[in-house]
């Protein structure tokens, strides 16, 4: 058996939320669709292509948001009631890159604590 080959793209929460504030977010949304096209094109070669769309993750960028905004406006919108952890996102990427995920391709997986349920 040949080793798993996988491409995992980060698209951002805007793909699931329908946020199109600027060209960066619109490009990320388009890239999610490009990943699906690529997944169709190379699936028979044993390569999976998936996109992840993290929500608010407790990184330096999210932690720079004023605490009163986090506590008063952002966290109340997240059903699990907290920011995600970087290691949770890393775990998803590790899974998608593993042999166990060899049947997962063309997916956009939201990792956002339920903030933008599909």
C-alpha atoms as a PDB file:
ATOM      1  CA  UNK A   1       0.000   0.000   0.000  1.00  0.00           C
ATOM      2  CA  UNK A   2       1.347   3.420  -0.882  1.00  0.00           C
ATOM      3  CA  UNK A   3       1.492   6.122   1.793  1.00  0.00           C
ATOM      4  CA  UNK A   4      -1.328   8.654   2.022  1.00  0.00           C
ATOM      5  CA  UNK A   5      -0.893  11.840   0.066  1.00  0.00           C
ATOM      6  CA  UNK A   6      -2.949  14.807   1.118  1.00  0.00           C
ATOM      7  CA  UNK A   7      -3.344  18.512   0.541  1.00  0.00           C
ATOM      8  CA  UNK A   8      -5.019  20.427   3.363  1.00  0.00           C
ATOM      9  CA  UNK A   9      -5.903  24.044   2.695  1.00  0.00           C
ATOM     10  CA  UNK A  10      -6.861  26.671   5.267  1.00  0.00           C
ATOM     11  CA  UNK A  11      -9.840  28.667   4.037  1.00  0.00           C
ATOM     12  CA  UNK A  12     -11.062  30.498   7.112  1.00  0.00           C
ATOM     13  CA  UNK A  13     -14.454  30.827   8.713  1.00  0.00           C
ATOM     14  CA  UNK A  14     -15.723  33.167   5.980  1.00  0.00           C
ATOM     15  CA  UNK A  15     -16.342  30.215   3.678  1.00  0.00           C
ATOM     16  CA  UNK A  16     -19.012  28.866   6.023  1.00  0.00           C
ATOM     17  CA  UNK A  17     -20.344  32.137   7.358  1.00  0.00           C
ATOM     18  CA  UNK A  18     -20.825  33.828   4.001  1.00  0.00           C
ATOM     19  CA  UNK A  19     -18.657  36.747   5.056  1.00  0.00           C
ATOM     20  CA  UNK A  20     -17.257  38.661   2.103  1.00  0.00           C
ATOM     21  CA  UNK A  21     -15.750  41.764   3.641  1.00  0.00           C
ATOM     22  CA  UNK A  22     -12.766  42.180   1.391  1.00  0.00           C
ATOM     23  CA  UNK A  23     -10.844  40.603  -1.429  1.00  0.00           C
ATOM     24  CA  UNK A  24      -8.891  38.333   0.934  1.00  0.00           C
ATOM     25  CA  UNK A  25     -12.051  36.675   2.216  1.00  0.00           C
ATOM     26  CA  UNK A  26     -13.544  36.379  -1.272  1.00  0.00           C
ATOM     27  CA  UNK A  27     -10.331  34.737  -2.487  1.00  0.00           C
ATOM     28  CA  UNK A  28     -10.398  32.265   0.424  1.00  0.00           C
ATOM     29  CA  UNK A  29     -14.006  31.363  -0.436  1.00  0.00           C
ATOM     30  CA  UNK A  30     -13.048  30.809  -4.081  1.00  0.00           C
ATOM     31  CA  UNK A  31     -10.077  28.698  -3.016  1.00  0.00           C
ATOM     32  CA  UNK A  32     -12.459  26.375  -1.180  1.00  0.00           C
ATOM     33  CA  UNK A  33     -14.225  25.705  -4.495  1.00  0.00           C
ATOM     34  CA  UNK A  34     -10.882  25.353  -6.295  1.00  0.00           C
ATOM     35  CA  UNK A  35      -9.938  22.660  -3.757  1.00  0.00           C
ATOM     36  CA  UNK A  36     -13.074  20.702  -4.670  1.00  0.00           C
ATOM     37  CA  UNK A  37     -12.184  20.891  -8.348  1.00  0.00           C
ATOM     38  CA  UNK A  38      -8.645  19.745  -7.616  1.00  0.00           C
ATOM     39  CA  UNK A  39      -9.984  16.913  -5.441  1.00  0.00           C
ATOM     40  CA  UNK A  40     -12.046  15.642  -8.377  1.00  0.00           C
ATOM     41  CA  UNK A  41      -9.098  15.920 -10.715  1.00  0.00           C
ATOM     42  CA  UNK A  42      -6.528  13.999  -8.658  1.00  0.00           C
ATOM     43  CA  UNK A  43      -8.587  11.605  -6.516  1.00  0.00           C
ATOM     44  CA  UNK A  44      -7.760   8.607  -8.724  1.00  0.00           C
ATOM     45  CA  UNK A  45      -4.070   9.273  -8.148  1.00  0.00           C
ATOM     46  CA  UNK A  46      -4.530   8.596  -4.434  1.00  0.00           C
ATOM     47  CA  UNK A  47      -4.273  12.228  -3.353  1.00  0.00           C
ATOM     48  CA  UNK A  48      -6.915  13.787  -1.129  1.00  0.00           C
ATOM     49  CA  UNK A  49      -7.662  17.514  -1.125  1.00  0.00           C
ATOM     50  CA  UNK A  50      -9.580  19.077   1.743  1.00  0.00           C
ATOM     51  CA  UNK A  51     -10.151  22.515   3.206  1.00  0.00           C
ATOM     52  CA  UNK A  52     -10.457  23.482   6.849  1.00  0.00           C
ATOM     53  CA  UNK A  53     -12.341  26.568   7.993  1.00  0.00           C
ATOM     54  CA  UNK A  54     -11.355  27.452  11.553  1.00  0.00           C
ATOM     55  CA  UNK A  55     -13.434  29.854  13.564  1.00  0.00           C
ATOM     56  CA  UNK A  56     -12.048  31.898  16.429  1.00  0.00           C
ATOM     57  CA  UNK A  57      -8.926  30.123  17.663  1.00  0.00           C
ATOM     58  CA  UNK A  58      -7.001  31.225  20.764  1.00  0.00           C
ATOM     59  CA  UNK A  59      -3.991  32.511  18.850  1.00  0.00           C
ATOM     60  CA  UNK A  60      -2.211  35.824  19.296  1.00  0.00           C
ATOM     61  CA  UNK A  61      -4.478  37.329  16.645  1.00  0.00           C
ATOM     62  CA  UNK A  62      -7.701  36.426  18.484  1.00  0.00           C
ATOM     63  CA  UNK A  63      -6.216  37.256  21.876  1.00  0.00           C
ATOM     64  CA  UNK A  64      -5.447  40.779  20.594  1.00  0.00           C
ATOM     65  CA  UNK A  65      -9.196  41.418  20.422  1.00  0.00           C
ATOM     66  CA  UNK A  66     -10.221  43.425  23.490  1.00  0.00           C
ATOM     67  CA  UNK A  67     -11.387  41.097  26.277  1.00  0.00           C
ATOM     68  CA  UNK A  68     -14.756  42.856  26.577  1.00  0.00           C
ATOM     69  CA  UNK A  69     -15.407  42.220  22.861  1.00  0.00           C
ATOM     70  CA  UNK A  70     -14.389  38.558  23.153  1.00  0.00           C
ATOM     71  CA  UNK A  71     -16.504  37.977  26.251  1.00  0.00           C
ATOM     72  CA  UNK A  72     -19.435  40.160  25.254  1.00  0.00           C
ATOM     73  CA  UNK A  73     -19.828  39.607  21.521  1.00  0.00           C
ATOM     74  CA  UNK A  74     -17.746  36.740  20.143  1.00  0.00           C
ATOM     75  CA  UNK A  75     -17.770  33.914  22.678  1.00  0.00           C
ATOM     76  CA  UNK A  76     -21.571  34.139  23.213  1.00  0.00           C
ATOM     77  CA  UNK A  77     -21.964  33.324  19.479  1.00  0.00           C
ATOM     78  CA  UNK A  78     -19.953  30.096  19.836  1.00  0.00           C
ATOM     79  CA  UNK A  79     -22.206  27.258  21.045  1.00  0.00           C
ATOM     80  CA  UNK A  80     -19.387  25.483  22.928  1.00  0.00           C
ATOM     81  CA  UNK A  81     -18.734  28.740  24.798  1.00  0.00           C
ATOM     82  CA  UNK A  82     -15.000  29.173  24.183  1.00  0.00           C
ATOM     83  CA  UNK A  83     -12.307  29.841  21.605  1.00  0.00           C
ATOM     84  CA  UNK A  84     -10.795  26.890  19.811  1.00  0.00           C
ATOM     85  CA  UNK A  85      -7.308  25.678  20.645  1.00  0.00           C
ATOM     86  CA  UNK A  86      -4.489  25.631  18.071  1.00  0.00           C
ATOM     87  CA  UNK A  87      -3.856  21.971  18.910  1.00  0.00           C
ATOM     88  CA  UNK A  88      -7.472  21.156  17.990  1.00  0.00           C
ATOM     89  CA  UNK A  89      -6.905  22.603  14.517  1.00  0.00           C
ATOM     90  CA  UNK A  90      -3.555  20.789  14.285  1.00  0.00           C
ATOM     91  CA  UNK A  91      -5.286  17.527  15.226  1.00  0.00           C
ATOM     92  CA  UNK A  92      -7.777  17.951  12.391  1.00  0.00           C
ATOM     93  CA  UNK A  93      -4.986  18.675   9.905  1.00  0.00           C
ATOM     94  CA  UNK A  94      -3.034  15.639  11.154  1.00  0.00           C
ATOM     95  CA  UNK A  95      -6.103  13.454  10.691  1.00  0.00           C
ATOM     96  CA  UNK A  96      -6.753  14.746   7.162  1.00  0.00           C
ATOM     97  CA  UNK A  97      -3.125  14.053   6.257  1.00  0.00           C
ATOM     98  CA  UNK A  98      -3.280  10.510   7.667  1.00  0.00           C
ATOM     99  CA  UNK A  99      -4.073   7.171   6.065  1.00  0.00           C
ATOM    100  CA  UNK A 100      -7.238   7.011   8.187  1.00  0.00           C
ATOM    101  CA  UNK A 101      -8.655   9.917   6.147  1.00  0.00           C
ATOM    102  CA  UNK A 102      -7.844   8.421   2.744  1.00  0.00           C
ATOM    103  CA  UNK A 103     -11.578   8.316   1.901  1.00  0.00           C
ATOM    104  CA  UNK A 104     -12.155  11.988   2.815  1.00  0.00           C
ATOM    105  CA  UNK A 105     -11.674  14.293  -0.154  1.00  0.00           C
ATOM    106  CA  UNK A 106     -13.305  17.438  -1.507  1.00  0.00           C
ATOM    107  CA  UNK A 107     -14.540  18.397   1.947  1.00  0.00           C
ATOM    108  CA  UNK A 108     -14.581  21.766   3.657  1.00  0.00           C
ATOM    109  CA  UNK A 109     -14.522  21.028   7.379  1.00  0.00           C
ATOM    110  CA  UNK A 110     -15.589  23.739   9.773  1.00  0.00           C
ATOM    111  CA  UNK A 111     -13.794  23.717  13.113  1.00  0.00           C
ATOM    112  CA  UNK A 112     -15.531  26.545  14.914  1.00  0.00           C
ATOM    113  CA  UNK A 113     -17.297  25.227  17.993  1.00  0.00           C
ATOM    114  CA  UNK A 114     -20.603  25.191  16.131  1.00  0.00           C
ATOM    115  CA  UNK A 115     -20.556  28.907  15.368  1.00  0.00           C
ATOM    116  CA  UNK A 116     -21.561  28.408  11.741  1.00  0.00           C
ATOM    117  CA  UNK A 117     -23.356  25.081  11.627  1.00  0.00           C
ATOM    118  CA  UNK A 118     -24.101  23.868   8.136  1.00  0.00           C
END
